[in-house]
């Protein structure tokens, strides 16, 4: 039987290889992350591995191995009774433009257009307003056992899994993410560790060079279709893990045949006026950011914030076949807000992702009155 010392030495040898800039196999990455999940390595060894893998940097095969370990050993599996396609949208975080919570708005609007959107998100780490914080402020129960997100996706067509809950990821994800302040393989696979494992994904990344790597990783893992993006602010050197109305967007689109098409999109290509960062900057206050999002969902804000939410709803509608292209997706999103369906979708979500409707709806109605 292999001793603890032997395991530590073998693990350490892999860390040394990584520091020398050498790639490891998918299987080696999977085994190293398994040992991290099972805490078979010391905290120092774990940190050294994560840092060395990042510095090299990671290959799609290494990221796929990371995903396999964290999904098998640190993710609850939940089957849901809904028709395909099932889709998730999120960003990795760690981007340099801190906006209000665009992706949650896009998810609500896309679901109001008929999609089943099963979100896997987290509370803020480096900022004050993560996706989970914002939807909680609107009345969604994000601290529940798995039965409530399952109930919500089946009844309301949308739900949110809280990535930091032990009932969702009992061992590793929250422990590691809460202790490091640099992007790593776990940031890249964390958004993919959805308990219901949708096969369609819209995902933002924190840098241009991660777009192709993430798209290849999604193909390695087995996603049917995916849309990976990074949005620029043409007036600065910063960017966001969303489609941007501030400048050029870089996209890698994974098709069902496994091909990856890379292209750029400017806001005006889709009939959207360029905006300023000030128009969508986060207030860094959960209540204020939640009200900002709610005004968009209610149709009370028809300016740049509406534009960017509809722009980011469009890829969900496009890759699932609801819309023939991004432009039609934007039009569908605007209609869902304008006819009140988006607000009704939010009410339905709050109703079903709570033990009882009265647990969340009064909070939402109070927020509505404040708009």
Protein backbone atom coordinates (compact mmCIF):
# COMPACT_ATOMS: atom_id res chain seq x y z
CA UNK A 1 0.00 0.00 0.00
CA UNK A 2 1.28 3.45 -0.93
CA UNK A 3 2.27 5.48 2.12
CA UNK A 4 1.33 9.07 2.87
CA UNK A 5 4.94 10.09 2.32
CA UNK A 6 4.98 8.41 -1.10
CA UNK A 7 1.82 10.28 -2.13
CA UNK A 8 3.28 13.57 -0.98
CA UNK A 9 6.51 12.98 -2.89
CA UNK A 10 4.69 11.99 -6.10
CA UNK A 11 2.45 15.04 -5.80
CA UNK A 12 5.48 17.23 -5.16
CA UNK A 13 7.19 15.86 -8.26
CA UNK A 14 4.21 16.95 -10.35
CA UNK A 15 4.42 20.43 -8.83
CA UNK A 16 8.09 20.58 -9.83
CA UNK A 17 7.22 19.57 -13.40
CA UNK A 18 4.64 22.33 -13.54
CA UNK A 19 7.13 24.92 -12.28
CA UNK A 20 9.39 23.85 -15.15
CA UNK A 21 6.60 24.72 -17.60
CA UNK A 22 5.78 21.10 -18.43
CA UNK A 23 2.20 20.02 -19.08
CA UNK A 24 0.61 17.16 -17.19
CA UNK A 25 -1.97 14.75 -18.56
CA UNK A 26 -5.72 14.97 -18.05
CA UNK A 27 -5.48 11.87 -15.84
CA UNK A 28 -2.68 13.36 -13.72
CA UNK A 29 -4.64 16.59 -13.24
CA UNK A 30 -7.70 14.57 -12.27
CA UNK A 31 -5.74 12.55 -9.70
CA UNK A 32 -4.10 15.63 -8.19
CA UNK A 33 -7.45 17.34 -7.78
CA UNK A 34 -8.93 14.14 -6.35
CA UNK A 35 -6.26 14.23 -3.68
CA UNK A 36 -7.05 17.89 -3.01
CA UNK A 37 -10.76 17.04 -2.71
CA UNK A 38 -10.00 14.22 -0.30
CA UNK A 39 -7.44 16.41 1.54
CA UNK A 40 -4.74 13.81 1.10
CA UNK A 41 -2.21 16.61 0.59
CA UNK A 42 -1.14 19.36 2.97
CA UNK A 43 -2.45 22.89 2.50
CA UNK A 44 1.00 24.01 1.33
CA UNK A 45 1.20 21.24 -1.27
CA UNK A 46 -2.31 22.06 -2.48
CA UNK A 47 -1.52 25.76 -2.82
CA UNK A 48 1.76 25.06 -4.59
CA UNK A 49 0.00 22.84 -7.13
CA UNK A 50 -2.76 25.36 -7.84
CA UNK A 51 -0.27 28.21 -8.22
CA UNK A 52 2.14 26.23 -10.41
CA UNK A 53 -0.67 25.05 -12.67
CA UNK A 54 -1.86 28.64 -13.09
CA UNK A 55 1.64 30.01 -13.80
CA UNK A 56 2.34 27.50 -16.57
CA UNK A 57 -0.64 28.10 -17.59
CA UNK A 58 -3.37 25.44 -17.79
CA UNK A 59 -4.15 23.44 -20.94
CA UNK A 60 -7.70 22.40 -21.91
CA UNK A 61 -6.81 18.79 -20.99
CA UNK A 62 -5.62 19.84 -17.52
CA UNK A 63 -8.76 21.92 -16.98
CA UNK A 64 -10.92 18.98 -18.12
CA UNK A 65 -9.14 16.75 -15.59
CA UNK A 66 -9.80 19.37 -12.92
CA UNK A 67 -13.48 19.38 -13.83
CA UNK A 68 -13.75 15.58 -13.74
CA UNK A 69 -12.33 15.38 -10.22
CA UNK A 70 -14.38 18.22 -8.78
CA UNK A 71 -17.56 16.99 -10.45
CA UNK A 72 -17.10 13.40 -9.27
CA UNK A 73 -15.84 14.06 -5.74
CA UNK A 74 -17.27 17.46 -4.83
CA UNK A 75 -20.60 17.97 -6.62
CA UNK A 76 -24.05 16.68 -5.70
CA UNK A 77 -25.90 15.20 -8.71
CA UNK A 78 -29.55 16.18 -9.22
CA UNK A 79 -31.84 14.95 -12.00
CA UNK A 80 -34.55 17.35 -13.10
CA UNK A 81 -37.69 16.66 -15.09
CA UNK A 82 -37.54 19.36 -17.75
CA UNK A 83 -37.22 19.22 -21.55
CA UNK A 84 -33.98 19.97 -23.35
CA UNK A 85 -32.27 22.28 -23.95
CA UNK A 86 -31.14 23.04 -20.40
CA UNK A 87 -28.74 25.98 -20.22
CA UNK A 88 -26.57 27.84 -17.72
CA UNK A 89 -25.02 31.28 -18.04
CA UNK A 90 -22.33 32.75 -15.85
CA UNK A 91 -18.89 34.28 -15.76
CA UNK A 92 -15.72 33.18 -14.05
CA UNK A 93 -15.40 36.45 -12.17
CA UNK A 94 -11.94 38.01 -11.69
CA UNK A 95 -12.62 40.47 -14.53
CA UNK A 96 -11.51 44.09 -14.23
CA UNK A 97 -14.79 45.91 -14.95
CA UNK A 98 -17.15 45.53 -12.00
CA UNK A 99 -20.72 45.94 -13.25
CA UNK A 100 -24.17 45.38 -11.78
CA UNK A 101 -25.27 41.75 -12.06
CA UNK A 102 -25.89 41.50 -15.80
CA UNK A 103 -25.88 37.70 -16.04
CA UNK A 104 -28.76 37.26 -13.58
CA UNK A 105 -30.83 39.71 -15.60
CA UNK A 106 -29.96 37.87 -18.80
CA UNK A 107 -30.99 34.56 -17.21
CA UNK A 108 -34.36 35.90 -16.07
CA UNK A 109 -35.11 37.44 -19.45
CA UNK A 110 -34.03 34.33 -21.39
CA UNK A 111 -36.19 32.15 -19.15
CA UNK A 112 -39.10 34.53 -19.77
CA UNK A 113 -38.61 33.73 -23.47
CA UNK A 114 -39.18 30.02 -22.77
CA UNK A 115 -35.77 28.63 -21.84
CA UNK A 116 -34.99 26.43 -18.84
CA UNK A 117 -32.09 28.25 -17.18
CA UNK A 118 -30.33 26.41 -14.36
CA UNK A 119 -27.80 28.76 -12.82
CA UNK A 120 -24.73 27.80 -10.81
CA UNK A 121 -23.33 30.89 -9.15
CA UNK A 122 -21.58 32.16 -6.05
CA UNK A 123 -21.51 34.92 -3.53
CA UNK A 124 -19.02 37.72 -4.07
CA UNK A 125 -15.39 37.08 -3.14
CA UNK A 126 -13.45 40.06 -4.49
CA UNK A 127 -16.47 42.40 -4.70
CA UNK A 128 -19.64 42.99 -2.69
CA UNK A 129 -22.26 41.89 -5.21
CA UNK A 130 -22.12 38.34 -6.49
CA UNK A 131 -24.98 36.78 -8.43
CA UNK A 132 -26.15 34.82 -5.41
CA UNK A 133 -26.13 37.94 -3.22
CA UNK A 134 -28.27 39.84 -5.73
CA UNK A 135 -30.96 37.21 -6.33
CA UNK A 136 -31.14 36.60 -2.58
CA UNK A 137 -31.86 40.31 -2.11
CA UNK A 138 -34.74 39.92 -4.58
CA UNK A 139 -36.30 37.11 -2.52
CA UNK A 140 -34.82 33.86 -3.88
CA UNK A 141 -33.83 31.34 -1.20
CA UNK A 142 -30.19 30.56 -1.98
CA UNK A 143 -29.39 28.79 1.30
CA UNK A 144 -31.73 25.86 0.78
CA UNK A 145 -31.29 22.13 0.39
CA UNK A 146 -31.18 20.84 -3.23
CA UNK A 147 -34.93 20.23 -3.29
CA UNK A 148 -35.76 23.93 -3.76
CA UNK A 149 -33.57 24.64 -6.83
CA UNK A 150 -34.87 21.38 -8.30
CA UNK A 151 -38.45 22.44 -7.60
CA UNK A 152 -37.82 25.88 -9.05
CA UNK A 153 -36.35 24.75 -12.37
CA UNK A 154 -39.20 22.27 -12.81
CA UNK A 155 -41.98 24.72 -11.86
CA UNK A 156 -40.61 28.15 -12.78
CA UNK A 157 -38.12 27.31 -15.51
CA UNK A 158 -35.23 28.93 -13.66
CA UNK A 159 -33.21 28.26 -10.53
CA UNK A 160 -29.91 29.07 -8.85
CA UNK A 161 -27.48 26.67 -7.22
CA UNK A 162 -25.31 28.32 -4.58
CA UNK A 163 -21.77 27.11 -5.28
CA UNK A 164 -20.67 27.80 -1.70
CA UNK A 165 -23.23 25.53 -0.01
CA UNK A 166 -21.90 22.28 1.51
CA UNK A 167 -25.08 20.59 0.27
CA UNK A 168 -23.97 21.42 -3.29
CA UNK A 169 -20.17 21.14 -3.04
CA UNK A 170 -19.31 19.50 0.28
CA UNK A 171 -15.52 19.40 0.13
CA UNK A 172 -13.41 21.67 -2.01
CA UNK A 173 -14.93 24.44 -4.12
CA UNK A 174 -15.82 26.95 -1.40
CA UNK A 175 -12.76 26.06 0.67
CA UNK A 176 -10.32 26.84 -2.13
CA UNK A 177 -12.15 29.81 -3.68
CA UNK A 178 -12.50 31.52 -0.30
CA UNK A 179 -8.76 31.27 0.39
CA UNK A 180 -7.10 32.39 -2.87
CA UNK A 181 -7.19 35.74 -4.64
CA UNK A 182 -5.91 34.80 -8.08
CA UNK A 183 -7.61 33.14 -11.01
CA UNK A 184 -6.91 29.44 -11.30
CA UNK A 185 -8.20 26.23 -12.85
CA UNK A 186 -10.86 26.06 -10.18
CA UNK A 187 -12.24 29.43 -11.30
CA UNK A 188 -12.48 28.09 -14.84
CA UNK A 189 -14.28 24.86 -13.90
CA UNK A 190 -16.25 26.17 -10.91
CA UNK A 191 -18.98 27.65 -13.14
CA UNK A 192 -19.27 24.28 -14.92
CA UNK A 193 -19.91 22.22 -11.77
CA UNK A 194 -23.67 22.47 -12.06
CA UNK A 195 -25.52 19.72 -10.15
CA UNK A 196 -28.00 19.32 -13.02
CA UNK A 197 -25.22 19.32 -15.67
CA UNK A 198 -26.78 21.29 -18.54
CA UNK A 199 -25.24 20.68 -21.96
CA UNK A 200 -25.59 24.27 -23.20
CA UNK A 201 -23.41 27.00 -21.73
CA UNK A 202 -22.93 30.75 -22.07
CA UNK A 203 -19.78 31.71 -20.22
CA UNK A 204 -17.71 34.83 -19.71
CA UNK A 205 -13.98 34.68 -19.03
CA UNK A 206 -11.65 37.26 -17.43
CA UNK A 207 -9.08 37.64 -20.24
CA UNK A 208 -8.96 37.35 -24.02
CA UNK A 209 -6.41 34.53 -23.94
CA UNK A 210 -8.80 32.34 -21.92
CA UNK A 211 -11.56 32.37 -24.54
CA UNK A 212 -10.21 29.63 -26.78
CA UNK A 213 -8.92 27.55 -23.86
CA UNK A 214 -12.34 27.59 -22.18
CA UNK A 215 -14.13 26.74 -25.44
CA UNK A 216 -11.80 23.78 -25.97
CA UNK A 217 -12.39 22.70 -22.37
CA UNK A 218 -16.17 22.78 -22.85
CA UNK A 219 -15.70 20.57 -25.91
CA UNK A 220 -13.46 18.19 -23.94
CA UNK A 221 -16.07 17.90 -21.19
CA UNK A 222 -18.88 17.20 -23.65
CA UNK A 223 -21.04 20.30 -23.94
CA UNK A 224 -23.25 20.31 -27.05
CA UNK A 225 -23.10 24.04 -27.68
CA UNK A 226 -21.37 26.90 -25.93
CA UNK A 227 -20.74 30.61 -26.28
CA UNK A 228 -17.59 31.91 -24.56
CA UNK A 229 -17.01 35.65 -24.41
CA UNK A 230 -14.89 38.52 -23.17
CA UNK A 231 -16.06 42.11 -23.55
CA UNK A 232 -13.78 45.14 -23.80
CA UNK A 233 -14.04 48.76 -22.84
CA UNK A 234 -12.44 50.47 -25.83
CA UNK A 235 -11.60 53.50 -23.68
CA UNK A 236 -9.48 51.55 -21.19
CA UNK A 237 -7.42 48.38 -20.91
CA UNK A 238 -10.14 46.68 -18.85
CA UNK A 239 -12.79 44.14 -19.71
CA UNK A 240 -15.72 42.10 -18.42
CA UNK A 241 -16.82 38.47 -18.40
CA UNK A 242 -19.97 39.48 -20.28
CA UNK A 243 -20.81 40.80 -23.73
CA UNK A 244 -19.96 44.49 -23.55
CA UNK A 245 -21.67 47.58 -24.91
CA UNK A 246 -18.50 49.55 -24.16
CA UNK A 247 -16.39 48.13 -26.98
CA UNK A 248 -15.37 45.08 -28.96
CA UNK A 249 -16.43 41.59 -27.88
CA UNK A 250 -14.31 38.50 -28.49
CA UNK A 251 -16.25 35.24 -28.85
CA UNK A 252 -15.56 31.54 -29.31
CA UNK A 253 -18.67 29.60 -30.31
CA UNK A 254 -18.77 25.81 -29.94
CA UNK A 255 -21.06 24.10 -32.46
CA UNK A 256 -22.69 20.68 -32.11
CA UNK A 257 -20.18 19.15 -34.54
CA UNK A 258 -17.33 20.17 -32.23
CA UNK A 259 -16.02 23.02 -34.35
CA UNK A 260 -15.11 26.29 -32.63
CA UNK A 261 -15.75 29.53 -34.50
CA UNK A 262 -13.90 32.61 -33.22
CA UNK A 263 -15.07 36.11 -34.06
CA UNK A 264 -15.58 39.63 -32.75
CA UNK A 265 -18.77 41.64 -32.31
CA UNK A 266 -19.19 45.39 -31.87
CA UNK A 267 -22.36 46.72 -30.19
CA UNK A 268 -23.34 48.65 -33.29
CA UNK A 269 -23.22 45.42 -35.32
CA UNK A 270 -26.34 44.44 -33.39
CA UNK A 271 -28.03 47.82 -33.41
CA UNK A 272 -26.92 48.80 -29.91
CA UNK A 273 -25.49 52.21 -29.06
CA UNK A 274 -22.14 52.22 -27.29
CA UNK A 275 -22.34 53.06 -23.61
CA UNK A 276 -20.07 54.34 -20.87
CA UNK A 277 -18.83 52.24 -17.97
CA UNK A 278 -20.52 54.64 -15.56
CA UNK A 279 -23.86 53.53 -17.01
CA UNK A 280 -23.45 49.97 -15.69
CA UNK A 281 -20.87 50.16 -12.91
CA UNK A 282 -21.62 48.27 -9.73
CA UNK A 283 -22.49 50.41 -6.74
CA UNK A 284 -20.71 47.80 -4.59
CA UNK A 285 -23.91 47.68 -2.53
CA UNK A 286 -26.14 44.62 -2.84
CA UNK A 287 -29.41 46.48 -2.27
CA UNK A 288 -28.60 49.19 -4.79
CA UNK A 289 -27.39 46.72 -7.42
CA UNK A 290 -30.50 44.59 -6.90
CA UNK A 291 -32.73 47.61 -7.45
CA UNK A 292 -30.74 48.49 -10.58
CA UNK A 293 -31.39 45.01 -11.98
CA UNK A 294 -35.04 45.08 -10.91
CA UNK A 295 -35.67 48.35 -12.77
CA UNK A 296 -34.39 46.73 -15.94
CA UNK A 297 -36.53 43.62 -15.44
CA UNK A 298 -39.59 45.81 -14.81
CA UNK A 299 -39.01 47.83 -17.98
CA UNK A 300 -38.40 51.04 -16.03
CA UNK A 301 -34.87 51.44 -17.36
CA UNK A 302 -34.81 51.49 -21.15
CA UNK A 303 -31.30 52.88 -21.49
CA UNK A 304 -27.80 51.34 -21.52
CA UNK A 305 -28.53 48.88 -18.69
CA UNK A 306 -31.48 47.48 -20.63
CA UNK A 307 -29.24 47.22 -23.69
CA UNK A 308 -26.55 45.21 -21.95
CA UNK A 309 -29.00 42.82 -20.26
CA UNK A 310 -30.76 42.13 -23.58
CA UNK A 311 -27.41 41.76 -25.35
CA UNK A 312 -26.38 39.11 -22.81
CA UNK A 313 -29.71 37.28 -22.96
CA UNK A 314 -29.29 36.93 -26.72
CA UNK A 315 -26.55 34.21 -26.72
CA UNK A 316 -28.75 31.95 -24.56
CA UNK A 317 -31.60 32.26 -27.04
CA UNK A 318 -29.28 31.90 -30.02
CA UNK A 319 -27.31 28.75 -29.11
CA UNK A 320 -30.46 26.92 -27.97
CA UNK A 321 -32.19 27.68 -31.28
CA UNK A 322 -34.87 29.97 -29.83
CA UNK A 323 -33.47 32.80 -31.94
CA UNK A 324 -31.92 32.47 -35.39
CA UNK A 325 -29.15 34.93 -34.50
CA UNK A 326 -28.05 37.37 -31.81
CA UNK A 327 -30.03 40.25 -33.28
CA UNK A 328 -33.29 38.30 -33.06
CA UNK A 329 -32.33 37.25 -29.54
CA UNK A 330 -31.98 40.90 -28.52
CA UNK A 331 -35.41 41.68 -29.99
CA UNK A 332 -36.96 38.74 -28.11
CA UNK A 333 -35.34 39.88 -24.87
CA UNK A 334 -36.64 43.43 -25.27
CA UNK A 335 -40.14 42.09 -25.90
CA UNK A 336 -40.02 39.87 -22.79
CA UNK A 337 -39.19 42.91 -20.68
CA UNK A 338 -41.68 45.20 -22.41
CA UNK A 339 -44.66 42.85 -22.12
CA UNK A 340 -44.06 42.13 -18.43
CA UNK A 341 -43.03 38.49 -18.87
CA UNK A 342 -39.59 39.07 -17.36
CA UNK A 343 -41.04 40.46 -14.12
CA UNK A 344 -43.56 37.61 -13.95
CA UNK A 345 -40.70 35.15 -14.44
CA UNK A 346 -38.87 36.70 -11.49
CA UNK A 347 -42.03 36.45 -9.37
CA UNK A 348 -42.39 32.80 -10.35
CA UNK A 349 -38.75 32.11 -9.46
CA UNK A 350 -39.15 33.70 -6.03
CA UNK A 351 -42.38 31.74 -5.52
CA UNK A 352 -40.86 28.34 -6.26
CA UNK A 353 -37.35 28.71 -4.85
CA UNK A 354 -38.70 29.15 -1.34
CA UNK A 355 -40.31 26.76 1.11
CA UNK A 356 -43.47 28.89 0.92
CA UNK A 357 -44.24 31.77 -1.49
CA UNK A 358 -44.75 34.13 1.44
CA UNK A 359 -41.12 33.56 2.42
CA UNK A 360 -39.84 35.53 -0.56
CA UNK A 361 -42.63 37.38 -2.37
CA UNK A 362 -43.15 40.11 0.26
CA UNK A 363 -39.46 40.99 -0.02
CA UNK A 364 -39.69 41.18 -3.81
CA UNK A 365 -42.85 43.30 -3.68
CA UNK A 366 -41.14 45.66 -1.23
CA UNK A 367 -38.22 45.99 -3.63
CA UNK A 368 -40.63 46.65 -6.50
CA UNK A 369 -42.20 49.50 -4.52
CA UNK A 370 -38.74 51.02 -4.01
CA UNK A 371 -38.13 51.26 -7.75
